PDB file of N, CA and C in Angstrom:
ATOM      1  N   MET A   1       4.080  -2.687   5.929  1.00  0.00           N
ATOM      2  CA  MET A   1       2.880  -3.071   6.122  1.00  0.00           C
ATOM      3  C   MET A   1       1.950  -4.177   5.993  1.00  0.00           C
ATOM      4  N   GLY A   2       1.407  -4.889   6.905  1.00  0.00           N
ATOM      5  CA  GLY A   2       0.590  -5.916   6.471  1.00  0.00           C
ATOM      6  C   GLY A   2       1.297  -7.007   5.191  1.00  0.00           C
ATOM      7  N   THR A   3       0.173  -7.483   4.511  1.00  0.00           N
ATOM      8  CA  THR A   3       0.667  -8.595   3.929  1.00  0.00           C
ATOM      9  C   THR A   3       0.252  -8.447   2.561  1.00  0.00           C
ATOM     10  N   VAL A   4       1.126  -8.955   1.465  1.00  0.00           N
ATOM     11  CA  VAL A   4       0.467  -8.702  -0.027  1.00  0.00           C
ATOM     12  C   VAL A   4      -0.210 -10.240  -0.426  1.00  0.00           C
ATOM     13  N   GLU A   5      -1.212 -10.318  -1.295  1.00  0.00           N
ATOM     14  CA  GLU A   5      -2.320 -11.554  -1.701  1.00  0.00           C
ATOM     15  C   GLU A   5      -2.725 -11.163  -2.893  1.00  0.00           C
ATOM     16  N   THR A   6      -2.491 -12.238  -3.588  1.00  0.00           N
ATOM     17  CA  THR A   6      -3.487 -12.356  -5.068  1.00  0.00           C
ATOM     18  C   THR A   6      -4.499 -12.218  -4.745  1.00  0.00           C
ATOM     19  N   VAL A   7      -5.575 -11.536  -5.527  1.00  0.00           N
ATOM     20  CA  VAL A   7      -6.775 -11.484  -5.890  1.00  0.00           C
ATOM     21  C   VAL A   7      -6.929 -11.589  -6.892  1.00  0.00           C
ATOM     22  N   SER A   8      -7.854 -12.812  -7.326  1.00  0.00           N
ATOM     23  CA  SER A   8      -8.546 -13.025  -8.424  1.00  0.00           C
ATOM     24  C   SER A   8      -9.396 -12.345  -8.890  1.00  0.00           C
ATOM     25  N   LEU A   9      -9.394 -11.976 -10.121  1.00  0.00           N
ATOM     26  CA  LEU A   9     -10.549 -11.200 -10.432  1.00  0.00           C
ATOM     27  C   LEU A   9     -11.427 -11.764 -11.534  1.00  0.00           C
ATOM     28  N   MET A  10     -13.410 -11.663 -11.189  1.00  0.00           N
ATOM     29  CA  MET A  10     -14.277 -12.537 -11.834  1.00  0.00           C
ATOM     30  C   MET A  10     -14.593 -11.976 -13.092  1.00  0.00           C
ATOM     31  N   GLY A  11     -14.738 -12.900 -14.088  1.00  0.00           N
ATOM     32  CA  GLY A  11     -15.073 -12.542 -15.198  1.00  0.00           C
ATOM     33  C   GLY A  11     -15.712 -11.756 -15.412  1.00  0.00           C
ATOM     34  N   GLY A  12     -16.324 -10.933 -16.354  1.00  0.00           N
ATOM     35  CA  GLY A  12     -17.167 -10.148 -16.529  1.00  0.00           C
ATOM     36  C   GLY A  12     -17.286  -8.686 -15.662  1.00  0.00           C
ATOM     37  N   SER A  13     -16.319  -8.781 -14.915  1.00  0.00           N
ATOM     38  CA  SER A  13     -16.200  -7.685 -13.323  1.00  0.00           C
ATOM     39  C   SER A  13     -15.496  -6.192 -14.042  1.00  0.00           C
ATOM     40  N   ALA A  14     -16.258  -5.215 -13.393  1.00  0.00           N
ATOM     41  CA  ALA A  14     -15.823  -3.941 -13.814  1.00  0.00           C
ATOM     42  C   ALA A  14     -14.049  -4.164 -13.526  1.00  0.00           C
ATOM     43  N   ALA A  15     -13.903  -4.539 -12.405  1.00  0.00           N
ATOM     44  CA  ALA A  15     -12.488  -4.940 -12.156  1.00  0.00           C
ATOM     45  C   ALA A  15     -11.958  -5.350 -12.398  1.00  0.00           C
ATOM     46  N   ARG A  16     -12.153  -6.449 -13.121  1.00  0.00           N
ATOM     47  CA  ARG A  16     -11.297  -7.418 -14.400  1.00  0.00           C
ATOM     48  C   ARG A  16     -10.953  -6.495 -15.391  1.00  0.00           C
ATOM     49  N   GLN A  17     -12.116  -5.751 -16.103  1.00  0.00           N
ATOM     50  CA  GLN A  17     -11.855  -5.122 -16.975  1.00  0.00           C
ATOM     51  C   GLN A  17     -10.766  -3.804 -16.605  1.00  0.00           C
ATOM     52  N   ILE A  18     -10.729  -3.408 -15.720  1.00  0.00           N
ATOM     53  CA  ILE A  18      -9.956  -2.069 -15.263  1.00  0.00           C
ATOM     54  C   ILE A  18      -8.740  -2.680 -15.102  1.00  0.00           C
ATOM     55  N   TYR A  19      -8.397  -3.731 -14.428  1.00  0.00           N
ATOM     56  CA  TYR A  19      -7.038  -4.544 -14.669  1.00  0.00           C
ATOM     57  C   TYR A  19      -6.478  -4.544 -15.929  1.00  0.00           C
ATOM     58  N   GLY A  20      -7.211  -5.573 -16.656  1.00  0.00           N
ATOM     59  CA  GLY A  20      -6.835  -5.927 -17.534  1.00  0.00           C
ATOM     60  C   GLY A  20      -6.101  -7.429 -17.499  1.00  0.00           C
ATOM     61  N   GLN A  21      -6.385  -7.957 -16.250  1.00  0.00           N
ATOM     62  CA  GLN A  21      -5.431  -9.026 -15.789  1.00  0.00           C
ATOM     63  C   GLN A  21      -6.736 -10.275 -15.080  1.00  0.00           C
ATOM     64  N   ASP A  22      -6.475 -11.133 -14.528  1.00  0.00           N
ATOM     65  CA  ASP A  22      -7.174 -12.238 -14.056  1.00  0.00           C
ATOM     66  C   ASP A  22      -7.047 -12.149 -13.067  1.00  0.00           C
ATOM     67  N   ALA A  23      -5.710 -11.952 -12.365  1.00  0.00           N
ATOM     68  CA  ALA A  23      -5.293 -11.674 -10.965  1.00  0.00           C
ATOM     69  C   ALA A  23      -4.438 -10.561 -11.008  1.00  0.00           C
ATOM     70  N   VAL A  24      -4.189 -10.109  -9.614  1.00  0.00           N
ATOM     71  CA  VAL A  24      -3.311  -9.030  -9.418  1.00  0.00           C
ATOM     72  C   VAL A  24      -2.893  -9.020  -7.869  1.00  0.00           C
ATOM     73  N   PRO A  25      -1.679  -8.929  -7.598  1.00  0.00           N
ATOM     74  CA  PRO A  25      -1.223  -8.945  -6.096  1.00  0.00           C
ATOM     75  C   PRO A  25      -1.405  -7.456  -5.450  1.00  0.00           C
ATOM     76  N   GLU A  26      -2.051  -7.579  -4.299  1.00  0.00           N
ATOM     77  CA  GLU A  26      -2.579  -6.209  -3.810  1.00  0.00           C
ATOM     78  C   GLU A  26      -2.029  -6.217  -2.378  1.00  0.00           C
ATOM     79  N   GLN A  27      -1.972  -4.999  -1.718  1.00  0.00           N
ATOM     80  CA  GLN A  27      -1.430  -4.696   0.057  1.00  0.00           C
ATOM     81  C   GLN A  27      -2.557  -4.772   0.453  1.00  0.00           C
ATOM     82  N   PHE A  28      -2.560  -5.568   1.985  1.00  0.00           N
ATOM     83  CA  PHE A  28      -4.026  -5.671   3.090  1.00  0.00           C
ATOM     84  C   PHE A  28      -3.172  -5.243   4.337  1.00  0.00           C
ATOM     85  N   ALA A  29      -3.858  -4.787   4.999  1.00  0.00           N
ATOM     86  CA  ALA A  29      -3.638  -4.043   5.952  1.00  0.00           C
ATOM     87  C   ALA A  29      -4.299  -4.616   7.485  1.00  0.00           C
ATOM     88  N   CYS A  30      -5.019  -5.264   7.013  1.00  0.00           N
ATOM     89  CA  CYS A  30      -5.778  -5.978   8.089  1.00  0.00           C
ATOM     90  C   CYS A  30      -6.337  -7.785   7.764  1.00  0.00           C
ATOM     91  N   ASN A  31      -7.095  -7.975   8.588  1.00  0.00           N
ATOM     92  CA  ASN A  31      -7.380  -9.401   8.243  1.00  0.00           C
ATOM     93  C   ASN A  31      -8.613  -9.703   8.051  1.00  0.00           C
ATOM     94  N   TYR A  32      -9.780  -8.268   8.187  1.00  0.00           N
ATOM     95  CA  TYR A  32     -11.016  -8.169   7.987  1.00  0.00           C
ATOM     96  C   TYR A  32     -11.591  -8.696   6.755  1.00  0.00           C
ATOM     97  N   GLY A  33     -12.833  -9.295   6.748  1.00  0.00           N
ATOM     98  CA  GLY A  33     -13.419  -9.752   5.319  1.00  0.00           C
ATOM     99  C   GLY A  33     -14.973 -10.320   6.072  1.00  0.00           C
ATOM    100  N   LEU A  34     -15.454 -10.398   4.498  1.00  0.00           N
ATOM    101  CA  LEU A  34     -16.898 -10.912   4.631  1.00  0.00           C
ATOM    102  C   LEU A  34     -17.153 -12.184   5.594  1.00  0.00           C
ATOM    103  N   ASN A  35     -17.810 -12.371   6.235  1.00  0.00           N
ATOM    104  CA  ASN A  35     -18.009 -13.319   7.280  1.00  0.00           C
ATOM    105  C   ASN A  35     -19.016 -14.599   6.143  1.00  0.00           C
ATOM    106  N   PRO A  36     -18.098 -15.682   6.122  1.00  0.00           N
ATOM    107  CA  PRO A  36     -18.629 -16.589   4.757  1.00  0.00           C
ATOM    108  C   PRO A  36     -19.833 -17.292   5.132  1.00  0.00           C
ATOM    109  N   LEU A  37     -20.654 -17.104   6.188  1.00  0.00           N
ATOM    110  CA  LEU A  37     -21.626 -17.716   6.500  1.00  0.00           C
ATOM    111  C   LEU A  37     -22.661 -16.448   6.154  1.00  0.00           C
ATOM    112  N   TYR A  38     -22.702 -15.410   5.639  1.00  0.00           N
ATOM    113  CA  TYR A  38     -23.203 -14.521   4.763  1.00  0.00           C
ATOM    114  C   TYR A  38     -23.044 -14.243   3.149  1.00  0.00           C
ATOM    115  N   ARG A  39     -22.211 -15.034   2.800  1.00  0.00           N
ATOM    116  CA  ARG A  39     -21.683 -14.651   1.315  1.00  0.00           C
ATOM    117  C   ARG A  39     -22.950 -14.994   0.342  1.00  0.00           C
ATOM    118  N   ASP A  40     -23.755 -16.058   0.789  1.00  0.00           N
ATOM    119  CA  ASP A  40     -25.180 -16.149  -0.247  1.00  0.00           C
ATOM    120  C   ASP A  40     -25.947 -15.232   0.043  1.00  0.00           C
ATOM    121  N   VAL A  41     -26.286 -14.477   1.308  1.00  0.00           N
ATOM    122  CA  VAL A  41     -27.157 -13.778   1.327  1.00  0.00           C
ATOM    123  C   VAL A  41     -26.418 -12.251   0.562  1.00  0.00           C
ATOM    124  N   PHE A  42     -25.433 -12.066   0.699  1.00  0.00           N
ATOM    125  CA  PHE A  42     -24.662 -11.187   0.101  1.00  0.00           C
ATOM    126  C   PHE A  42     -24.761 -10.920  -1.639  1.00  0.00           C
ATOM    127  N   GLU A  43     -24.581 -12.301  -1.785  1.00  0.00           N
ATOM    128  CA  GLU A  43     -24.652 -12.712  -3.608  1.00  0.00           C
ATOM    129  C   GLU A  43     -25.901 -12.842  -4.117  1.00  0.00           C
ATOM    130  N   GLY A  44     -27.010 -12.768  -3.101  1.00  0.00           N
ATOM    131  CA  GLY A  44     -28.451 -12.493  -3.516  1.00  0.00           C
ATOM    132  C   GLY A  44     -28.865 -10.999  -3.436  1.00  0.00           C
ATOM    133  N   SER A  45     -28.065  -9.922  -2.965  1.00  0.00           N
ATOM    134  CA  SER A  45     -28.282  -8.484  -3.325  1.00  0.00           C
ATOM    135  C   SER A  45     -27.728  -8.091  -4.597  1.00  0.00           C
ATOM    136  N   ALA A  46     -27.600  -6.956  -4.581  1.00  0.00           N
ATOM    137  CA  ALA A  46     -27.384  -5.784  -5.819  1.00  0.00           C
ATOM    138  C   ALA A  46     -26.024  -5.615  -6.117  1.00  0.00           C
ATOM    139  N   LEU A  47     -25.215  -6.153  -5.035  1.00  0.00           N
ATOM    140  CA  LEU A  47     -23.348  -5.991  -4.926  1.00  0.00           C
ATOM    141  C   LEU A  47     -23.341  -7.189  -5.651  1.00  0.00           C
ATOM    142  N   ARG A  48     -21.934  -7.475  -6.208  1.00  0.00           N
ATOM    143  CA  ARG A  48     -21.446  -8.442  -7.102  1.00  0.00           C
ATOM    144  C   ARG A  48     -20.102  -8.389  -6.351  1.00  0.00           C
ATOM    145  N   VAL A  49     -19.689  -9.942  -6.036  1.00  0.00           N
ATOM    146  CA  VAL A  49     -18.230 -10.557  -5.920  1.00  0.00           C
ATOM    147  C   VAL A  49     -17.427 -10.326  -6.609  1.00  0.00           C
ATOM    148  N   ALA A  50     -16.504  -9.375  -7.179  1.00  0.00           N
ATOM    149  CA  ALA A  50     -15.648  -9.039  -8.259  1.00  0.00           C
ATOM    150  C   ALA A  50     -14.344  -9.648  -7.881  1.00  0.00           C
ATOM    151  N   GLY A  51     -13.642 -10.061  -6.737  1.00  0.00           N
ATOM    152  CA  GLY A  51     -12.593 -10.672  -6.524  1.00  0.00           C
ATOM    153  C   GLY A  51     -11.950 -11.576  -5.380  1.00  0.00           C
ATOM    154  N   VAL A  52     -11.449 -12.364  -5.214  1.00  0.00           N
ATOM    155  CA  VAL A  52     -11.852 -13.354  -4.309  1.00  0.00           C
ATOM    156  C   VAL A  52     -10.063 -13.651  -3.691  1.00  0.00           C
ATOM    157  N   GLY A  53      -9.567 -13.976  -2.728  1.00  0.00           N
ATOM    158  CA  GLY A  53      -8.531 -14.277  -2.041  1.00  0.00           C
ATOM    159  C   GLY A  53      -8.040 -15.806  -2.489  1.00  0.00           C
ATOM    160  N   PRO A  54      -6.953 -16.322  -2.146  1.00  0.00           N
ATOM    161  CA  PRO A  54      -6.444 -17.355  -2.280  1.00  0.00           C
ATOM    162  C   PRO A  54      -7.552 -18.652  -1.783  1.00  0.00           C
ATOM    163  N   GLU A  55      -7.995 -18.438  -1.065  1.00  0.00           N
ATOM    164  CA  GLU A  55      -8.981 -19.258  -0.314  1.00  0.00           C
ATOM    165  C   GLU A  55     -10.213 -19.117  -0.625  1.00  0.00           C
ATOM    166  N   GLY A  56     -10.624 -18.056  -1.603  1.00  0.00           N
ATOM    167  CA  GLY A  56     -12.056 -17.906  -2.214  1.00  0.00           C
ATOM    168  C   GLY A  56     -12.865 -16.785  -0.810  1.00  0.00           C
ATOM    169  N   GLU A  57     -12.136 -16.163  -0.638  1.00  0.00           N
ATOM    170  CA  GLU A  57     -12.780 -15.367   0.452  1.00  0.00           C
ATOM    171  C   GLU A  57     -12.748 -13.775  -0.280  1.00  0.00           C
ATOM    172  N   VAL A  58     -14.059 -13.418  -0.110  1.00  0.00           N
ATOM    173  CA  VAL A  58     -14.292 -11.936  -0.745  1.00  0.00           C
ATOM    174  C   VAL A  58     -13.469 -10.775  -0.341  1.00  0.00           C
ATOM    175  N   ARG A  59     -12.997 -10.020  -1.369  1.00  0.00           N
ATOM    176  CA  ARG A  59     -11.631  -9.103  -1.327  1.00  0.00           C
ATOM    177  C   ARG A  59     -12.228  -7.907  -2.340  1.00  0.00           C
ATOM    178  N   LEU A  60     -13.054  -7.948  -2.850  1.00  0.00           N
ATOM    179  CA  LEU A  60     -13.467  -6.969  -3.610  1.00  0.00           C
ATOM    180  C   LEU A  60     -14.801  -6.958  -4.271  1.00  0.00           C
ATOM    181  N   VAL A  61     -15.908  -5.944  -4.112  1.00  0.00           N
ATOM    182  CA  VAL A  61     -17.072  -6.242  -4.411  1.00  0.00           C
ATOM    183  C   VAL A  61     -17.670  -4.831  -5.155  1.00  0.00           C
ATOM    184  N   GLU A  62     -18.711  -4.831  -5.726  1.00  0.00           N
ATOM    185  CA  GLU A  62     -18.833  -3.905  -6.962  1.00  0.00           C
ATOM    186  C   GLU A  62     -20.270  -3.835  -7.012  1.00  0.00           C
ATOM    187  N   LEU A  63     -20.801  -2.910  -7.345  1.00  0.00           N
ATOM    188  CA  LEU A  63     -22.415  -2.568  -7.525  1.00  0.00           C
ATOM    189  C   LEU A  63     -22.445  -2.181  -9.262  1.00  0.00           C
ATOM    190  N   PRO A  64     -23.035  -3.464 -10.102  1.00  0.00           N
ATOM    191  CA  PRO A  64     -23.100  -3.148 -11.427  1.00  0.00           C
ATOM    192  C   PRO A  64     -23.661  -1.961 -11.976  1.00  0.00           C
ATOM    193  N   ALA A  65     -25.338  -1.873 -10.885  1.00  0.00           N
ATOM    194  CA  ALA A  65     -25.719  -0.884 -11.672  1.00  0.00           C
ATOM    195  C   ALA A  65     -25.277   1.005 -11.405  1.00  0.00           C
ATOM    196  N   HIS A  66     -24.249   0.896 -10.494  1.00  0.00           N
ATOM    197  CA  HIS A  66     -23.739   1.966  -9.828  1.00  0.00           C
ATOM    198  C   HIS A  66     -22.779   2.604 -11.346  1.00  0.00           C
ATOM    199  N   PRO A  67     -22.467   3.954 -11.567  1.00  0.00           N
ATOM    200  CA  PRO A  67     -21.420   4.293 -12.691  1.00  0.00           C
ATOM    201  C   PRO A  67     -20.045   3.779 -11.781  1.00  0.00           C
ATOM    202  N   PHE A  68     -19.586   3.801 -10.439  1.00  0.00           N
ATOM    203  CA  PHE A  68     -18.503   3.456 -10.380  1.00  0.00           C
ATOM    204  C   PHE A  68     -18.716   3.298  -8.703  1.00  0.00           C
ATOM    205  N   TYR A  69     -18.446   1.673  -8.401  1.00  0.00           N
ATOM    206  CA  TYR A  69     -19.336   1.605  -6.674  1.00  0.00           C
ATOM    207  C   TYR A  69     -18.338   0.213  -7.195  1.00  0.00           C
ATOM    208  N   VAL A  70     -17.011   0.567  -6.144  1.00  0.00           N
ATOM    209  CA  VAL A  70     -15.797  -0.726  -6.381  1.00  0.00           C
ATOM    210  C   VAL A  70     -15.279  -0.276  -4.545  1.00  0.00           C
ATOM    211  N   ALA A  71     -15.580  -1.585  -3.844  1.00  0.00           N
ATOM    212  CA  ALA A  71     -15.136  -1.456  -2.401  1.00  0.00           C
ATOM    213  C   ALA A  71     -14.168  -2.722  -2.436  1.00  0.00           C
ATOM    214  N   THR A  72     -13.086  -2.432  -1.826  1.00  0.00           N
ATOM    215  CA  THR A  72     -11.919  -3.463  -1.735  1.00  0.00           C
ATOM    216  C   THR A  72     -11.606  -3.440  -0.495  1.00  0.00           C
ATOM    217  N   LEU A  73     -11.143  -4.573   0.040  1.00  0.00           N
ATOM    218  CA  LEU A  73     -10.532  -5.059   1.474  1.00  0.00           C
ATOM    219  C   LEU A  73      -8.937  -4.487   1.394  1.00  0.00           C
ATOM    220  N   PHE A  74      -8.329  -4.290   0.503  1.00  0.00           N
ATOM    221  CA  PHE A  74      -6.894  -4.243   0.100  1.00  0.00           C
ATOM    222  C   PHE A  74      -6.939  -2.245  -0.041  1.00  0.00           C
ATOM    223  N   LEU A  75      -5.760  -2.073  -0.284  1.00  0.00           N
ATOM    224  CA  LEU A  75      -5.441  -0.514  -0.098  1.00  0.00           C
ATOM    225  C   LEU A  75      -4.346  -0.030  -1.829  1.00  0.00           C
ATOM    226  N   PRO A  76      -5.655   0.140  -2.421  1.00  0.00           N
ATOM    227  CA  PRO A  76      -4.786   0.488  -3.611  1.00  0.00           C
ATOM    228  C   PRO A  76      -3.781   1.822  -3.687  1.00  0.00           C
ATOM    229  N   GLN A  77      -4.199   2.723  -2.407  1.00  0.00           N
ATOM    230  CA  GLN A  77      -3.039   3.791  -2.524  1.00  0.00           C
ATOM    231  C   GLN A  77      -2.072   3.470  -2.009  1.00  0.00           C
ATOM    232  N   VAL A  78      -1.916   2.331  -1.782  1.00  0.00           N
ATOM    233  CA  VAL A  78      -0.233   1.888  -1.172  1.00  0.00           C
ATOM    234  C   VAL A  78       0.590   1.468  -2.171  1.00  0.00           C
ATOM    235  N   ARG A  79      -0.101   1.170  -3.663  1.00  0.00           N
ATOM    236  CA  ARG A  79       0.756   0.522  -4.625  1.00  0.00           C
ATOM    237  C   ARG A  79       0.718   1.860  -5.596  1.00  0.00           C
ATOM    238  N   SER A  80       0.068   2.766  -5.087  1.00  0.00           N
ATOM    239  CA  SER A  80       0.120   3.946  -6.148  1.00  0.00           C
ATOM    240  C   SER A  80       1.252   5.513  -6.211  1.00  0.00           C
ATOM    241  N   SER A  81       1.129   5.606  -7.427  1.00  0.00           N
ATOM    242  CA  SER A  81       2.222   6.745  -7.304  1.00  0.00           C
ATOM    243  C   SER A  81       1.582   7.722  -8.423  1.00  0.00           C
ATOM    244  N   PRO A  82       2.522   8.932  -8.134  1.00  0.00           N
ATOM    245  CA  PRO A  82       2.089  10.015  -9.561  1.00  0.00           C
ATOM    246  C   PRO A  82       2.630   9.207 -10.858  1.00  0.00           C
ATOM    247  N   ASP A  83       3.612   8.797 -10.903  1.00  0.00           N
ATOM    248  CA  ASP A  83       4.272   8.174 -11.863  1.00  0.00           C
ATOM    249  C   ASP A  83       3.639   6.862 -12.410  1.00  0.00           C
ATOM    250  N   GLU A  84       2.999   6.502 -11.474  1.00  0.00           N
ATOM    251  CA  GLU A  84       2.423   4.793 -11.549  1.00  0.00           C
ATOM    252  C   GLU A  84       1.124   4.605 -10.868  1.00  0.00           C
ATOM    253  N   PRO A  85       0.023   5.759 -11.078  1.00  0.00           N
ATOM    254  CA  PRO A  85      -1.213   5.551 -10.512  1.00  0.00           C
ATOM    255  C   PRO A  85      -1.978   4.034 -10.616  1.00  0.00           C
ATOM    256  N   HIS A  86      -2.487   3.579  -9.299  1.00  0.00           N
ATOM    257  CA  HIS A  86      -3.334   2.281  -9.424  1.00  0.00           C
ATOM    258  C   HIS A  86      -4.396   2.282 -10.375  1.00  0.00           C
ATOM    259  N   PRO A  87      -4.710   1.268 -11.257  1.00  0.00           N
ATOM    260  CA  PRO A  87      -5.670   0.940 -12.015  1.00  0.00           C
ATOM    261  C   PRO A  87      -7.215   1.617 -11.351  1.00  0.00           C
ATOM    262  N   LEU A  88      -7.683   1.203  -9.946  1.00  0.00           N
ATOM    263  CA  LEU A  88      -8.730   1.216  -9.408  1.00  0.00           C
ATOM    264  C   LEU A  88      -8.858   3.260  -9.248  1.00  0.00           C
ATOM    265  N   ILE A  89      -7.815   3.307  -8.690  1.00  0.00           N
ATOM    266  CA  ILE A  89      -8.003   4.955  -8.480  1.00  0.00           C
ATOM    267  C   ILE A  89      -7.781   5.738  -9.887  1.00  0.00           C
ATOM    268  N   MET A  90      -7.294   5.366 -11.082  1.00  0.00           N
ATOM    269  CA  MET A  90      -7.364   5.997 -12.280  1.00  0.00           C
ATOM    270  C   MET A  90      -8.819   5.820 -12.994  1.00  0.00           C
ATOM    271  N   ALA A  91      -9.704   4.550 -12.769  1.00  0.00           N
ATOM    272  CA  ALA A  91     -10.956   4.385 -13.259  1.00  0.00           C
ATOM    273  C   ALA A  91     -11.874   5.033 -12.484  1.00  0.00           C
ATOM    274  N   TYR A  92     -11.748   5.459 -11.053  1.00  0.00           N
ATOM    275  CA  TYR A  92     -12.565   6.386 -10.090  1.00  0.00           C
ATOM    276  C   TYR A  92     -12.596   7.561 -10.565  1.00  0.00           C
ATOM    277  N   LEU A  93     -11.494   8.290 -11.122  1.00  0.00           N
ATOM    278  CA  LEU A  93     -11.200   9.818 -11.305  1.00  0.00           C
ATOM    279  C   LEU A  93     -11.738   9.634 -12.870  1.00  0.00           C
ATOM    280  N   ARG A  94     -11.335   8.676 -13.592  1.00  0.00           N
ATOM    281  CA  ARG A  94     -12.126   8.940 -15.138  1.00  0.00           C
ATOM    282  C   ARG A  94     -13.691   9.044 -14.800  1.00  0.00           C
ATOM    283  N   ALA A  95     -14.522   7.810 -14.192  1.00  0.00           N
ATOM    284  CA  ALA A  95     -15.768   7.869 -13.997  1.00  0.00           C
ATOM    285  C   ALA A  95     -16.110   9.268 -13.146  1.00  0.00           C
ATOM    286  N   ALA A  96     -15.713   9.868 -12.332  1.00  0.00           N
ATOM    287  CA  ALA A  96     -15.621  11.452 -11.967  1.00  0.00           C
ATOM    288  C   ALA A  96     -15.511  12.743 -13.113  1.00  0.00           C
ATOM    289  N   GLY A  97     -14.878  11.871 -14.171  1.00  0.00           N
ATOM    290  CA  GLY A  97     -14.882  13.028 -15.195  1.00  0.00           C
ATOM    291  C   GLY A  97     -13.503  13.776 -14.744  1.00  0.00           C
ATOM    292  N   LEU A  98     -12.647  13.256 -14.208  1.00  0.00           N
ATOM    293  CA  LEU A  98     -11.311  13.929 -13.609  1.00  0.00           C
ATOM    294  C   LEU A  98     -10.252  13.343 -14.203  1.00  0.00           C
ATOM    295  N   GLY A  99     -10.095  12.108 -15.144  1.00  0.00           N
ATOM    296  CA  GLY A  99      -9.012  11.538 -15.316  1.00  0.00           C
ATOM    297  C   GLY A  99      -8.764  11.108 -16.619  1.00  0.00           C
ATOM    298  N   SER A 100      -8.008  11.087 -17.267  1.00  0.00           N
ATOM    299  CA  SER A 100      -7.744  10.653 -18.912  1.00  0.00           C
ATOM    300  C   SER A 100      -7.679   9.229 -19.493  1.00  0.00           C
TER     301      SER A 100
END
């Protein structure tokens, strides 16, 4: 299903802290994304670009002022299993007070 793409995580982002890595492979099921013409407007908002694809395209955003607001264009659930849950899913559960 879809393609695997390397997502580079921005320094200081919650995503980078959650993964503990600079870049991660993730599964994509579509080619949708943020229109690059609006990236400056987006970056002037409260949302922060937290991960980009190989060509610098936005792949992951977060809202730093929120306890857990991470939005992805990839599918964390595809790489998740009961034995090896995806780092973003575990971080979400911890933020909700449900994970260890």
